[in-house]
Amino acid sequence: MTKTFMLLAGAVLMLWFIGVCETVPVISVGVTLGGVPYKQQSSAPVNASVSCQQWHVVGPGETQWAIATRYAGYEEKHQWLRQARRVSGLAADDPQLKANQVLCVAW
């Protein structure tokens, strides 16, 4: 394995472990996630009255349903996913998430 791959794998594991243990705020200015610069998506409307309390970095192959199962608790997962996508500034009807995409999971 290359050093770059091992470094990236270690970073992903670290982000996952931190996400499991505690809330980590993500700052959108100058943050690089997995070698891809993070740019907040401003094209989709975001409800200004709702602020995100916790962000989740989507891992490779991770599904929306797995994320909803992890964070939604007893809420109805389809409704939770629509709200999470809306608060994150993502299209509510797009069923795909991409690796390194940032999703608001607590508001």
PDB file of N, CA and C in Angstrom:
ATOM      1  N   MET A   1       0.832  -1.187   0.000  1.00  0.00           N
ATOM      2  CA  MET A   1       0.000   0.000   0.000  1.00  0.00           C
ATOM      3  C   MET A   1       0.874   1.246   0.000  1.00  0.00           C
ATOM      4  N   THR A   2       0.384   2.261  -0.638  1.00  0.00           N
ATOM      5  CA  THR A   2       1.152   3.498  -0.688  1.00  0.00           C
ATOM      6  C   THR A   2       0.966   4.278   0.599  1.00  0.00           C
ATOM      7  N   LYS A   3       1.914   5.172   0.836  1.00  0.00           N
ATOM      8  CA  LYS A   3       1.833   6.001   2.037  1.00  0.00           C
ATOM      9  C   LYS A   3       0.594   6.888   2.005  1.00  0.00           C
ATOM     10  N   THR A   4       0.253   7.396   0.806  1.00  0.00           N
ATOM     11  CA  THR A   4      -0.914   8.263   0.690  1.00  0.00           C
ATOM     12  C   THR A   4      -2.184   7.529   1.075  1.00  0.00           C
ATOM     13  N   PHE A   5      -2.332   6.297   0.578  1.00  0.00           N
ATOM     14  CA  PHE A   5      -3.516   5.500   0.900  1.00  0.00           C
ATOM     15  C   PHE A   5      -3.592   5.218   2.386  1.00  0.00           C
ATOM     16  N   MET A   6      -2.468   4.846   2.983  1.00  0.00           N
ATOM     17  CA  MET A   6      -2.462   4.533   4.415  1.00  0.00           C
ATOM     18  C   MET A   6      -2.785   5.777   5.241  1.00  0.00           C
ATOM     19  N   LEU A   7      -2.272   6.938   4.808  1.00  0.00           N
ATOM     20  CA  LEU A   7      -2.566   8.176   5.515  1.00  0.00           C
ATOM     21  C   LEU A   7      -4.047   8.510   5.406  1.00  0.00           C
ATOM     22  N   LEU A   8      -4.607   8.356   4.211  1.00  0.00           N
ATOM     23  CA  LEU A   8      -6.030   8.620   4.004  1.00  0.00           C
ATOM     24  C   LEU A   8      -6.887   7.648   4.817  1.00  0.00           C
ATOM     25  N   ALA A   9      -6.528   6.370   4.810  1.00  0.00           N
ATOM     26  CA  ALA A   9      -7.278   5.374   5.580  1.00  0.00           C
ATOM     27  C   ALA A   9      -7.220   5.693   7.080  1.00  0.00           C
ATOM     28  N   GLY A  10      -6.065   6.102   7.554  1.00  0.00           N
ATOM     29  CA  GLY A  10      -5.922   6.469   8.959  1.00  0.00           C
ATOM     30  C   GLY A  10      -6.771   7.677   9.313  1.00  0.00           C
ATOM     31  N   ALA A  11      -6.810   8.657   8.392  1.00  0.00           N
ATOM     32  CA  ALA A  11      -7.622   9.852   8.636  1.00  0.00           C
ATOM     33  C   ALA A  11      -9.108   9.508   8.679  1.00  0.00           C
ATOM     34  N   VAL A  12      -9.555   8.632   7.778  1.00  0.00           N
ATOM     35  CA  VAL A  12     -10.958   8.221   7.759  1.00  0.00           C
ATOM     36  C   VAL A  12     -11.307   7.487   9.049  1.00  0.00           C
ATOM     37  N   LEU A  13     -10.452   6.581   9.480  1.00  0.00           N
ATOM     38  CA  LEU A  13     -10.693   5.862  10.738  1.00  0.00           C
ATOM     39  C   LEU A  13     -10.737   6.826  11.923  1.00  0.00           C
ATOM     40  N   MET A  14      -9.832   7.792  11.916  1.00  0.00           N
ATOM     41  CA  MET A  14      -9.812   8.758  13.007  1.00  0.00           C
ATOM     42  C   MET A  14     -11.102   9.575  13.024  1.00  0.00           C
ATOM     43  N   LEU A  15     -11.550  10.040  11.854  1.00  0.00           N
ATOM     44  CA  LEU A  15     -12.798  10.795  11.795  1.00  0.00           C
ATOM     45  C   LEU A  15     -13.971   9.944  12.258  1.00  0.00           C
ATOM     46  N   TRP A  16     -13.988   8.684  11.854  1.00  0.00           N
ATOM     47  CA  TRP A  16     -15.064   7.793  12.281  1.00  0.00           C
ATOM     48  C   TRP A  16     -15.035   7.621  13.791  1.00  0.00           C
ATOM     49  N   PHE A  17     -13.850   7.357  14.361  1.00  0.00           N
ATOM     50  CA  PHE A  17     -13.729   7.139  15.793  1.00  0.00           C
ATOM     51  C   PHE A  17     -14.141   8.376  16.570  1.00  0.00           C
ATOM     52  N   ILE A  18     -13.703   9.547  16.120  1.00  0.00           N
ATOM     53  CA  ILE A  18     -14.076  10.782  16.791  1.00  0.00           C
ATOM     54  C   ILE A  18     -15.580  10.979  16.722  1.00  0.00           C
ATOM     55  N   GLY A  19     -16.182  10.687  15.557  1.00  0.00           N
ATOM     56  CA  GLY A  19     -17.623  10.832  15.389  1.00  0.00           C
ATOM     57  C   GLY A  19     -18.404   9.921  16.309  1.00  0.00           C
ATOM     58  N   VAL A  20     -17.861   8.744  16.597  1.00  0.00           N
ATOM     59  CA  VAL A  20     -18.532   7.806  17.488  1.00  0.00           C
ATOM     60  C   VAL A  20     -18.439   8.289  18.927  1.00  0.00           C
ATOM     61  N   CYS A  21     -17.310   8.880  19.290  1.00  0.00           N
ATOM     62  CA  CYS A  21     -17.066   9.237  20.681  1.00  0.00           C
ATOM     63  C   CYS A  21     -17.627  10.595  21.089  1.00  0.00           C
ATOM     64  N   GLU A  22     -17.580  11.571  20.185  1.00  0.00           N
ATOM     65  CA  GLU A  22     -18.007  12.904  20.573  1.00  0.00           C
ATOM     66  C   GLU A  22     -18.350  13.735  19.352  1.00  0.00           C
ATOM     67  N   THR A  23     -18.984  14.861  19.594  1.00  0.00           N
ATOM     68  CA  THR A  23     -19.334  15.792  18.531  1.00  0.00           C
ATOM     69  C   THR A  23     -18.117  16.629  18.173  1.00  0.00           C
ATOM     70  N   VAL A  24     -17.833  16.735  16.883  1.00  0.00           N
ATOM     71  CA  VAL A  24     -16.710  17.536  16.415  1.00  0.00           C
ATOM     72  C   VAL A  24     -17.248  18.585  15.464  1.00  0.00           C
ATOM     73  N   PRO A  25     -17.130  19.866  15.797  1.00  0.00           N
ATOM     74  CA  PRO A  25     -17.603  20.889  14.873  1.00  0.00           C
ATOM     75  C   PRO A  25     -16.698  20.961  13.653  1.00  0.00           C
ATOM     76  N   VAL A  26     -17.281  21.201  12.512  1.00  0.00           N
ATOM     77  CA  VAL A  26     -16.521  21.331  11.277  1.00  0.00           C
ATOM     78  C   VAL A  26     -16.592  22.786  10.846  1.00  0.00           C
ATOM     79  N   ILE A  27     -15.453  23.380  10.599  1.00  0.00           N
ATOM     80  CA  ILE A  27     -15.398  24.767  10.159  1.00  0.00           C
ATOM     81  C   ILE A  27     -15.232  24.742   8.648  1.00  0.00           C
ATOM     82  N   SER A  28     -16.048  25.520   7.941  1.00  0.00           N
ATOM     83  CA  SER A  28     -16.055  25.443   6.486  1.00  0.00           C
ATOM     84  C   SER A  28     -14.961  26.263   5.818  1.00  0.00           C
ATOM     85  N   VAL A  29     -14.207  27.046   6.536  1.00  0.00           N
ATOM     86  CA  VAL A  29     -13.181  27.874   5.929  1.00  0.00           C
ATOM     87  C   VAL A  29     -11.846  27.152   5.983  1.00  0.00           C
ATOM     88  N   GLY A  30     -11.302  26.817   4.841  1.00  0.00           N
ATOM     89  CA  GLY A  30      -9.977  26.228   4.767  1.00  0.00           C
ATOM     90  C   GLY A  30      -9.885  24.792   5.250  1.00  0.00           C
ATOM     91  N   VAL A  31     -10.978  24.081   5.341  1.00  0.00           N
ATOM     92  CA  VAL A  31     -10.958  22.706   5.807  1.00  0.00           C
ATOM     93  C   VAL A  31     -10.750  21.781   4.618  1.00  0.00           C
ATOM     94  N   THR A  32      -9.891  20.800   4.759  1.00  0.00           N
ATOM     95  CA  THR A  32      -9.694  19.806   3.716  1.00  0.00           C
ATOM     96  C   THR A  32     -10.111  18.455   4.268  1.00  0.00           C
ATOM     97  N   LEU A  33     -10.985  17.782   3.564  1.00  0.00           N
ATOM     98  CA  LEU A  33     -11.487  16.485   3.988  1.00  0.00           C
ATOM     99  C   LEU A  33     -11.066  15.441   2.968  1.00  0.00           C
ATOM    100  N   GLY A  34     -10.175  14.559   3.354  1.00  0.00           N
ATOM    101  CA  GLY A  34      -9.743  13.497   2.446  1.00  0.00           C
ATOM    102  C   GLY A  34      -9.059  14.027   1.200  1.00  0.00           C
ATOM    103  N   GLY A  35      -8.353  15.148   1.305  1.00  0.00           N
ATOM    104  CA  GLY A  35      -7.647  15.701   0.168  1.00  0.00           C
ATOM    105  C   GLY A  35      -8.520  16.544  -0.750  1.00  0.00           C
ATOM    106  N   VAL A  36      -9.818  16.633  -0.453  1.00  0.00           N
ATOM    107  CA  VAL A  36     -10.731  17.431  -1.272  1.00  0.00           C
ATOM    108  C   VAL A  36     -11.139  18.660  -0.474  1.00  0.00           C
ATOM    109  N   PRO A  37     -10.863  19.876  -0.972  1.00  0.00           N
ATOM    110  CA  PRO A  37     -11.256  21.068  -0.216  1.00  0.00           C
ATOM    111  C   PRO A  37     -12.769  21.113  -0.044  1.00  0.00           C
ATOM    112  N   TYR A  38     -13.205  21.430   1.154  1.00  0.00           N
ATOM    113  CA  TYR A  38     -14.639  21.504   1.453  1.00  0.00           C
ATOM    114  C   TYR A  38     -15.131  22.900   1.127  1.00  0.00           C
ATOM    115  N   LYS A  39     -16.175  22.981   0.324  1.00  0.00           N
ATOM    116  CA  LYS A  39     -16.820  24.246   0.019  1.00  0.00           C
ATOM    117  C   LYS A  39     -18.284  24.097   0.385  1.00  0.00           C
ATOM    118  N   GLN A  40     -18.783  24.983   1.236  1.00  0.00           N
ATOM    119  CA  GLN A  40     -20.185  24.916   1.620  1.00  0.00           C
ATOM    120  C   GLN A  40     -21.044  25.176   0.399  1.00  0.00           C
ATOM    121  N   GLN A  41     -22.035  24.346   0.202  1.00  0.00           N
ATOM    122  CA  GLN A  41     -22.909  24.471  -0.951  1.00  0.00           C
ATOM    123  C   GLN A  41     -23.982  25.488  -0.640  1.00  0.00           C
ATOM    124  N   SER A  42     -23.967  26.598  -1.378  1.00  0.00           N
ATOM    125  CA  SER A  42     -24.912  27.658  -1.104  1.00  0.00           C
ATOM    126  C   SER A  42     -26.024  27.737  -2.143  1.00  0.00           C
ATOM    127  N   SER A  43     -26.001  26.870  -3.160  1.00  0.00           N
ATOM    128  CA  SER A  43     -27.001  26.948  -4.216  1.00  0.00           C
ATOM    129  C   SER A  43     -28.381  26.489  -3.753  1.00  0.00           C
ATOM    130  N   ALA A  44     -28.453  25.533  -2.843  1.00  0.00           N
ATOM    131  CA  ALA A  44     -29.742  25.045  -2.358  1.00  0.00           C
ATOM    132  C   ALA A  44     -30.184  25.891  -1.167  1.00  0.00           C
ATOM    133  N   PRO A  45     -31.478  26.127  -1.032  1.00  0.00           N
ATOM    134  CA  PRO A  45     -31.944  26.940   0.094  1.00  0.00           C
ATOM    135  C   PRO A  45     -31.768  26.217   1.421  1.00  0.00           C
ATOM    136  N   VAL A  46     -31.333  26.957   2.402  1.00  0.00           N
ATOM    137  CA  VAL A  46     -31.161  26.418   3.754  1.00  0.00           C
ATOM    138  C   VAL A  46     -32.034  27.253   4.677  1.00  0.00           C
ATOM    139  N   ASN A  47     -32.727  26.577   5.583  1.00  0.00           N
ATOM    140  CA  ASN A  47     -33.571  27.277   6.534  1.00  0.00           C
ATOM    141  C   ASN A  47     -32.674  28.048   7.501  1.00  0.00           C
ATOM    142  N   ALA A  48     -32.732  29.378   7.440  1.00  0.00           N
ATOM    143  CA  ALA A  48     -31.860  30.218   8.256  1.00  0.00           C
ATOM    144  C   ALA A  48     -32.155  30.084   9.744  1.00  0.00           C
ATOM    145  N   SER A  49     -33.358  29.631  10.098  1.00  0.00           N
ATOM    146  CA  SER A  49     -33.707  29.519  11.508  1.00  0.00           C
ATOM    147  C   SER A  49     -33.163  28.240  12.141  1.00  0.00           C
ATOM    148  N   VAL A  50     -32.614  27.345  11.335  1.00  0.00           N
ATOM    149  CA  VAL A  50     -32.073  26.086  11.840  1.00  0.00           C
ATOM    150  C   VAL A  50     -30.559  26.111  11.690  1.00  0.00           C
ATOM    151  N   SER A  51     -29.844  25.895  12.782  1.00  0.00           N
ATOM    152  CA  SER A  51     -28.386  25.835  12.702  1.00  0.00           C
ATOM    153  C   SER A  51     -27.929  24.420  13.033  1.00  0.00           C
ATOM    154  N   CYS A  52     -26.881  24.012  12.379  1.00  0.00           N
ATOM    155  CA  CYS A  52     -26.379  22.654  12.561  1.00  0.00           C
ATOM    156  C   CYS A  52     -25.557  22.554  13.845  1.00  0.00           C
ATOM    157  N   GLN A  53     -25.816  21.521  14.621  1.00  0.00           N
ATOM    158  CA  GLN A  53     -25.088  21.277  15.866  1.00  0.00           C
ATOM    159  C   GLN A  53     -23.987  20.235  15.692  1.00  0.00           C
ATOM    160  N   GLN A  54     -24.139  19.355  14.676  1.00  0.00           N
ATOM    161  CA  GLN A  54     -23.152  18.294  14.454  1.00  0.00           C
ATOM    162  C   GLN A  54     -23.114  17.939  12.974  1.00  0.00           C
ATOM    163  N   TRP A  55     -21.908  17.808  12.440  1.00  0.00           N
ATOM    164  CA  TRP A  55     -21.703  17.442  11.040  1.00  0.00           C
ATOM    165  C   TRP A  55     -21.150  16.035  10.950  1.00  0.00           C
ATOM    166  N   HIS A  56     -21.454  15.351   9.853  1.00  0.00           N
ATOM    167  CA  HIS A  56     -20.933  14.008   9.597  1.00  0.00           C
ATOM    168  C   HIS A  56     -20.269  14.017   8.227  1.00  0.00           C
ATOM    169  N   VAL A  57     -19.022  13.525   8.141  1.00  0.00           N
ATOM    170  CA  VAL A  57     -18.319  13.396   6.873  1.00  0.00           C
ATOM    171  C   VAL A  57     -18.645  12.012   6.313  1.00  0.00           C
ATOM    172  N   VAL A  58     -19.217  11.979   5.124  1.00  0.00           N
ATOM    173  CA  VAL A  58     -19.646  10.720   4.507  1.00  0.00           C
ATOM    174  C   VAL A  58     -18.418   9.922   4.095  1.00  0.00           C
ATOM    175  N   GLY A  59     -18.372   8.662   4.530  1.00  0.00           N
ATOM    176  CA  GLY A  59     -17.270   7.781   4.182  1.00  0.00           C
ATOM    177  C   GLY A  59     -17.534   7.062   2.868  1.00  0.00           C
ATOM    178  N   PRO A  60     -16.492   6.499   2.261  1.00  0.00           N
ATOM    179  CA  PRO A  60     -16.656   5.764   1.010  1.00  0.00           C
ATOM    180  C   PRO A  60     -17.641   4.605   1.179  1.00  0.00           C
ATOM    181  N   GLY A  61     -18.635   4.531   0.314  1.00  0.00           N
ATOM    182  CA  GLY A  61     -19.613   3.451   0.357  1.00  0.00           C
ATOM    183  C   GLY A  61     -20.675   3.591   1.432  1.00  0.00           C
ATOM    184  N   GLU A  62     -20.639   4.641   2.208  1.00  0.00           N
ATOM    185  CA  GLU A  62     -21.616   4.837   3.285  1.00  0.00           C
ATOM    186  C   GLU A  62     -22.954   5.281   2.691  1.00  0.00           C
ATOM    187  N   THR A  63     -24.035   4.704   3.163  1.00  0.00           N
ATOM    188  CA  THR A  63     -25.364   5.020   2.628  1.00  0.00           C
ATOM    189  C   THR A  63     -26.098   6.001   3.536  1.00  0.00           C
ATOM    190  N   GLN A  64     -27.087   6.679   2.936  1.00  0.00           N
ATOM    191  CA  GLN A  64     -27.923   7.581   3.727  1.00  0.00           C
ATOM    192  C   GLN A  64     -28.643   6.821   4.833  1.00  0.00           C
ATOM    193  N   TRP A  65     -29.084   5.610   4.523  1.00  0.00           N
ATOM    194  CA  TRP A  65     -29.830   4.828   5.503  1.00  0.00           C
ATOM    195  C   TRP A  65     -28.952   4.470   6.702  1.00  0.00           C
ATOM    196  N   ALA A  66     -27.686   4.135   6.438  1.00  0.00           N
ATOM    197  CA  ALA A  66     -26.765   3.816   7.540  1.00  0.00           C
ATOM    198  C   ALA A  66     -26.547   5.043   8.424  1.00  0.00           C
ATOM    199  N   ILE A  67     -26.422   6.207   7.804  1.00  0.00           N
ATOM    200  CA  ILE A  67     -26.241   7.439   8.573  1.00  0.00           C
ATOM    201  C   ILE A  67     -27.496   7.734   9.387  1.00  0.00           C
ATOM    202  N   ALA A  68     -28.671   7.580   8.766  1.00  0.00           N
ATOM    203  CA  ALA A  68     -29.932   7.819   9.481  1.00  0.00           C
ATOM    204  C   ALA A  68     -30.094   6.848  10.639  1.00  0.00           C
ATOM    205  N   THR A  69     -29.728   5.595  10.429  1.00  0.00           N
ATOM    206  CA  THR A  69     -29.821   4.591  11.496  1.00  0.00           C
ATOM    207  C   THR A  69     -28.932   4.977  12.674  1.00  0.00           C
ATOM    208  N   ARG A  70     -27.778   5.542  12.372  1.00  0.00           N
ATOM    209  CA  ARG A  70     -26.822   5.911  13.412  1.00  0.00           C
ATOM    210  C   ARG A  70     -27.264   7.151  14.196  1.00  0.00           C
ATOM    211  N   TYR A  71     -27.840   8.144  13.508  1.00  0.00           N
ATOM    212  CA  TYR A  71     -28.099   9.433  14.154  1.00  0.00           C
ATOM    213  C   TYR A  71     -29.570   9.746  14.433  1.00  0.00           C
ATOM    214  N   ALA A  72     -30.513   9.139  13.733  1.00  0.00           N
ATOM    215  CA  ALA A  72     -31.914   9.555  13.829  1.00  0.00           C
ATOM    216  C   ALA A  72     -32.605   9.083  15.098  1.00  0.00           C
ATOM    217  N   GLY A  73     -32.063   8.081  15.749  1.00  0.00           N
ATOM    218  CA  GLY A  73     -32.705   7.581  16.959  1.00  0.00           C
ATOM    219  C   GLY A  73     -34.071   6.998  16.654  1.00  0.00           C
ATOM    220  N   TYR A  74     -35.097   7.457  17.364  1.00  0.00           N
ATOM    221  CA  TYR A  74     -36.448   6.924  17.183  1.00  0.00           C
ATOM    222  C   TYR A  74     -37.261   7.687  16.138  1.00  0.00           C
ATOM    223  N   GLU A  75     -36.673   8.721  15.534  1.00  0.00           N
ATOM    224  CA  GLU A  75     -37.392   9.479  14.505  1.00  0.00           C
ATOM    225  C   GLU A  75     -37.607   8.619  13.266  1.00  0.00           C
ATOM    226  N   GLU A  76     -38.608   8.973  12.478  1.00  0.00           N
ATOM    227  CA  GLU A  76     -38.864   8.303  11.207  1.00  0.00           C
ATOM    228  C   GLU A  76     -37.708   8.653  10.270  1.00  0.00           C
ATOM    229  N   LYS A  77     -37.003   7.646   9.789  1.00  0.00           N
ATOM    230  CA  LYS A  77     -35.742   7.869   9.089  1.00  0.00           C
ATOM    231  C   LYS A  77     -35.894   8.605   7.762  1.00  0.00           C
ATOM    232  N   HIS A  78     -36.955   8.351   6.997  1.00  0.00           N
ATOM    233  CA  HIS A  78     -37.142   9.068   5.728  1.00  0.00           C
ATOM    234  C   HIS A  78     -37.334  10.562   5.985  1.00  0.00           C
ATOM    235  N   GLN A  79     -38.120  10.887   6.973  1.00  0.00           N
ATOM    236  CA  GLN A  79     -38.354  12.292   7.319  1.00  0.00           C
ATOM    237  C   GLN A  79     -37.064  12.923   7.843  1.00  0.00           C
ATOM    238  N   TRP A  80     -36.326  12.201   8.678  1.00  0.00           N
ATOM    239  CA  TRP A  80     -35.058  12.697   9.215  1.00  0.00           C
ATOM    240  C   TRP A  80     -34.070  12.980   8.092  1.00  0.00           C
ATOM    241  N   LEU A  81     -33.992  12.074   7.105  1.00  0.00           N
ATOM    242  CA  LEU A  81     -33.074  12.267   5.982  1.00  0.00           C
ATOM    243  C   LEU A  81     -33.438  13.512   5.164  1.00  0.00           C
ATOM    244  N   ARG A  82     -34.718  13.719   4.902  1.00  0.00           N
ATOM    245  CA  ARG A  82     -35.133  14.920   4.166  1.00  0.00           C
ATOM    246  C   ARG A  82     -34.709  16.176   4.919  1.00  0.00           C
ATOM    247  N   GLN A  83     -34.924  16.183   6.220  1.00  0.00           N
ATOM    248  CA  GLN A  83     -34.554  17.350   7.040  1.00  0.00           C
ATOM    249  C   GLN A  83     -33.034  17.528   7.063  1.00  0.00           C
ATOM    250  N   ALA A  84     -32.284  16.447   7.219  1.00  0.00           N
ATOM    251  CA  ALA A  84     -30.819  16.531   7.256  1.00  0.00           C
ATOM    252  C   ALA A  84     -30.280  17.089   5.939  1.00  0.00           C
ATOM    253  N   ARG A  85     -30.820  16.629   4.823  1.00  0.00           N
ATOM    254  CA  ARG A  85     -30.378  17.117   3.518  1.00  0.00           C
ATOM    255  C   ARG A  85     -30.741  18.595   3.355  1.00  0.00           C
ATOM    256  N   ARG A  86     -31.925  18.982   3.799  1.00  0.00           N
ATOM    257  CA  ARG A  86     -32.354  20.378   3.674  1.00  0.00           C
ATOM    258  C   ARG A  86     -31.469  21.295   4.510  1.00  0.00           C
ATOM    259  N   VAL A  87     -31.226  20.923   5.768  1.00  0.00           N
ATOM    260  CA  VAL A  87     -30.398  21.740   6.654  1.00  0.00           C
ATOM    261  C   VAL A  87     -28.963  21.827   6.124  1.00  0.00           C
ATOM    262  N   SER A  88     -28.501  20.766   5.461  1.00  0.00           N
ATOM    263  CA  SER A  88     -27.144  20.734   4.905  1.00  0.00           C
ATOM    264  C   SER A  88     -27.027  21.508   3.602  1.00  0.00           C
ATOM    265  N   GLY A  89     -28.160  21.945   3.048  1.00  0.00           N
ATOM    266  CA  GLY A  89     -28.119  22.663   1.790  1.00  0.00           C
ATOM    267  C   GLY A  89     -28.058  21.748   0.586  1.00  0.00           C
ATOM    268  N   LEU A  90     -28.488  20.496   0.743  1.00  0.00           N
ATOM    269  CA  LEU A  90     -28.477  19.528  -0.351  1.00  0.00           C
ATOM    270  C   LEU A  90     -29.884  19.349  -0.894  1.00  0.00           C
ATOM    271  N   ALA A  91     -29.978  18.897  -2.134  1.00  0.00           N
ATOM    272  CA  ALA A  91     -31.286  18.641  -2.735  1.00  0.00           C
ATOM    273  C   ALA A  91     -31.981  17.522  -1.973  1.00  0.00           C
ATOM    274  N   ALA A  92     -33.226  17.753  -1.570  1.00  0.00           N
ATOM    275  CA  ALA A  92     -33.958  16.783  -0.754  1.00  0.00           C
ATOM    276  C   ALA A  92     -34.283  15.508  -1.505  1.00  0.00           C
ATOM    277  N   ASP A  93     -34.387  15.588  -2.838  1.00  0.00           N
ATOM    278  CA  ASP A  93     -34.785  14.409  -3.615  1.00  0.00           C
ATOM    279  C   ASP A  93     -33.616  13.633  -4.203  1.00  0.00           C
ATOM    280  N   ASP A  94     -32.377  14.052  -3.951  1.00  0.00           N
ATOM    281  CA  ASP A  94     -31.208  13.348  -4.484  1.00  0.00           C
ATOM    282  C   ASP A  94     -30.878  12.178  -3.563  1.00  0.00           C
ATOM    283  N   PRO A  95     -30.971  10.938  -4.054  1.00  0.00           N
ATOM    284  CA  PRO A  95     -30.771   9.783  -3.180  1.00  0.00           C
ATOM    285  C   PRO A  95     -29.302   9.443  -2.927  1.00  0.00           C
ATOM    286  N   GLN A  96     -28.375  10.111  -3.570  1.00  0.00           N
ATOM    287  CA  GLN A  96     -26.963   9.737  -3.460  1.00  0.00           C
ATOM    288  C   GLN A  96     -26.182  10.723  -2.599  1.00  0.00           C
ATOM    289  N   LEU A  97     -25.285  10.174  -1.804  1.00  0.00           N
ATOM    290  CA  LEU A  97     -24.292  10.972  -1.097  1.00  0.00           C
ATOM    291  C   LEU A  97     -22.933  10.553  -1.626  1.00  0.00           C
ATOM    292  N   LYS A  98     -22.013  11.479  -1.677  1.00  0.00           N
ATOM    293  CA  LYS A  98     -20.674  11.185  -2.179  1.00  0.00           C
ATOM    294  C   LYS A  98     -19.697  11.142  -1.012  1.00  0.00           C
ATOM    295  N   ALA A  99     -18.642  10.345  -1.161  1.00  0.00           N
ATOM    296  CA  ALA A  99     -17.604  10.279  -0.133  1.00  0.00           C
ATOM    297  C   ALA A  99     -17.051  11.679   0.097  1.00  0.00           C
ATOM    298  N   ASN A 100     -16.775  11.998   1.325  1.00  0.00           N
ATOM    299  CA  ASN A 100     -16.242  13.282   1.794  1.00  0.00           C
ATOM    300  C   ASN A 100     -17.275  14.404   1.774  1.00  0.00           C
ATOM    301  N   GLN A 101     -18.521  14.098   1.425  1.00  0.00           N
ATOM    302  CA  GLN A 101     -19.576  15.105   1.491  1.00  0.00           C
ATOM    303  C   GLN A 101     -19.905  15.322   2.970  1.00  0.00           C
ATOM    304  N   VAL A 102     -20.302  16.525   3.324  1.00  0.00           N
ATOM    305  CA  VAL A 102     -20.598  16.850   4.721  1.00  0.00           C
ATOM    306  C   VAL A 102     -22.113  16.961   4.883  1.00  0.00           C
ATOM    307  N   LEU A 103     -22.649  16.254   5.874  1.00  0.00           N
ATOM    308  CA  LEU A 103     -24.083  16.209   6.116  1.00  0.00           C
ATOM    309  C   LEU A 103     -24.355  16.627   7.559  1.00  0.00           C
ATOM    310  N   CYS A 104     -25.305  17.533   7.741  1.00  0.00           N
ATOM    311  CA  CYS A 104     -25.705  17.940   9.085  1.00  0.00           C
ATOM    312  C   CYS A 104     -26.539  16.812   9.698  1.00  0.00           C
ATOM    313  N   VAL A 105     -26.163  16.327  10.870  1.00  0.00           N
ATOM    314  CA  VAL A 105     -26.862  15.197  11.489  1.00  0.00           C
ATOM    315  C   VAL A 105     -27.549  15.573  12.805  1.00  0.00           C
ATOM    316  N   ALA A 106     -27.337  16.792  13.265  1.00  0.00           N
ATOM    317  CA  ALA A 106     -28.027  17.251  14.487  1.00  0.00           C
ATOM    318  C   ALA A 106     -28.277  18.735  14.361  1.00  0.00           C
ATOM    319  N   TRP A 107     -29.522  19.143  14.567  1.00  0.00           N
ATOM    320  CA  TRP A 107     -29.901  20.547  14.443  1.00  0.00           C
ATOM    321  C   TRP A 107     -30.797  20.961  15.572  1.00  0.00           C
TER     322      TRP A 107
END
